[in-house]
Amino acid sequence: MVKVSNVANLFDVKQSSNETLRDYLNRFCDACTCIMSPNEKILVDAFLKGLRANSFSESLVRIPALSLSEIRLRATTHIEAEDVMRQKRR
C-alpha cells in the first residue's frame, strides 16, 4: 500500500509494466484516502499521469473523466476485458 502525505505525491504513483488496471486503480485509490479534501481534477490528472498507455488511457483522452468515481466506473469494462484475456493466456 502506498502512503501519500500530500496531493503532489500522487503524481509519483505509476502503473508498473506488469500491473493490472485493477491493481493500479486500487493502489491509486488507496493512496488518495490519505488526502484531505482532494480536488477531483488533480486526482484525475494524477491518475492519468501514472496510467500506462493502453485502450483505457486512450478512452480517457478521447472522453475525459471528471472525477475519480467516473474513472472507477468506466474502468470496470476494461478490467473485465483484462481478466478474460489473462484467463485465455493461461
Foldseek 3Di string as FASTA:
>chain_A
DDADQELVCLLVQAADPPHAPVRSLVVSVVNCVNYDPDQFVSSQVSSLNRYDDDPLNVVCVVPPDRGSVVSVVVCVVVRVVVVVVVVVVD
